[in-house]
Amino acid sequence: MNVTLSLNAEVERSLTARAHARGVSLDEYLQELVAREAGLSGDAKQPRKQFNNLSDLLLNSPFAGANLDLGRPKDYPRPVDLG
């Protein structure tokens, strides 16, 4: 069965980014969403994309584009008296 969806630009960008983060095409991602909503997702794990290096993994992680603030706090440990 073929279905045509007319998505607004914002929804399309969001779905495309989520698909890219999972390492799948937009079509595959939408198939997963529809199957899950239809109760057909089951417990079968989808094969995960393999990355060649840490940089690729971080750039293509599920959190890519999530605008997470991962800044390190400037709170340093207190000195310990060992004497």
Protein backbone atom coordinates (compact mmCIF):
# COMPACT_ATOMS: atom_id res chain seq x y z
CA MET A 1 0.00 0.00 0.00
CA ASN A 2 1.28 3.45 -0.86
CA VAL A 3 0.33 6.55 1.12
CA THR A 4 1.22 10.14 0.33
CA LEU A 5 1.79 12.53 3.23
CA SER A 6 1.95 16.29 2.93
CA LEU A 7 4.13 17.44 5.82
CA ASN A 8 4.89 21.04 6.68
CA ALA A 9 8.56 21.98 6.47
CA GLU A 10 9.13 21.99 10.23
CA VAL A 11 7.72 18.47 10.70
CA GLU A 12 9.71 17.18 7.73
CA ARG A 13 12.97 18.64 9.10
CA SER A 14 12.33 17.14 12.53
CA LEU A 15 11.50 13.67 11.18
CA THR A 16 14.46 13.73 8.78
CA ALA A 17 16.81 14.67 11.65
CA ARG A 18 15.43 11.84 13.81
CA ALA A 19 15.81 9.36 10.96
CA HIS A 20 19.39 10.52 10.32
CA ALA A 21 20.20 10.22 14.02
CA ARG A 22 19.04 6.59 13.93
CA GLY A 23 21.08 5.94 10.79
CA VAL A 24 18.07 5.13 8.61
CA SER A 25 16.25 6.78 5.73
CA LEU A 26 13.14 8.87 6.32
CA ASP A 27 11.07 6.13 4.66
CA GLU A 28 12.46 3.46 7.01
CA TYR A 29 11.89 5.71 10.04
CA LEU A 30 8.28 6.38 9.06
CA GLN A 31 7.75 2.63 8.54
CA GLU A 32 8.99 2.07 12.12
CA LEU A 33 6.66 4.75 13.50
CA VAL A 34 3.61 3.39 11.70
CA ALA A 35 4.42 -0.21 12.69
CA ARG A 36 4.79 0.83 16.32
CA GLU A 37 1.46 2.69 16.25
CA ALA A 38 -0.17 -0.35 14.64
CA GLY A 39 1.18 -2.53 17.45
CA LEU A 40 3.43 -4.47 15.08
CA SER A 41 6.84 -3.36 16.30
CA GLY A 42 7.34 -6.44 18.49
CA ASP A 43 10.53 -6.92 20.47
CA ALA A 44 12.77 -7.45 17.45
CA LYS A 45 15.75 -5.13 17.66
CA GLN A 46 16.64 -3.15 14.55
CA PRO A 47 20.26 -3.57 13.47
CA ARG A 48 22.34 -0.62 14.59
CA LYS A 49 24.56 1.34 12.27
CA GLN A 50 28.26 0.70 12.81
CA PHE A 51 30.58 3.70 13.04
CA ASN A 52 34.23 3.83 12.00
CA ASN A 53 35.36 6.25 14.68
CA LEU A 54 34.22 8.19 17.73
CA SER A 55 33.68 11.37 15.74
CA ASP A 56 31.17 9.67 13.42
CA LEU A 57 29.38 8.16 16.42
CA LEU A 58 29.06 11.51 18.18
CA LEU A 59 28.00 13.41 15.07
CA ASN A 60 25.35 10.80 14.23
CA SER A 61 24.18 9.99 17.73
CA PRO A 62 20.49 10.05 18.64
CA PHE A 63 21.24 13.27 20.52
CA ALA A 64 22.74 15.08 17.53
CA GLY A 65 20.89 18.34 17.02
CA ALA A 66 19.20 18.11 20.42
CA ASN A 67 20.96 21.29 21.63
CA LEU A 68 22.03 19.67 24.89
CA ASP A 69 24.03 21.87 27.25
CA LEU A 70 26.92 19.63 28.25
CA GLY A 71 29.14 22.36 29.64
CA ARG A 72 31.30 21.38 32.59
CA PRO A 73 30.48 23.21 35.82
CA LYS A 74 33.30 25.35 37.20
CA ASP A 75 32.95 23.78 40.64
CA TYR A 76 36.32 22.36 41.61
CA PRO A 77 36.85 19.91 44.51
CA ARG A 78 37.84 21.22 47.91
CA PRO A 79 41.37 20.54 49.18
CA VAL A 80 41.68 17.53 51.49
CA ASP A 81 43.84 17.67 54.62
CA LEU A 82 45.81 14.40 54.66
CA GLY A 83 47.87 15.26 57.70
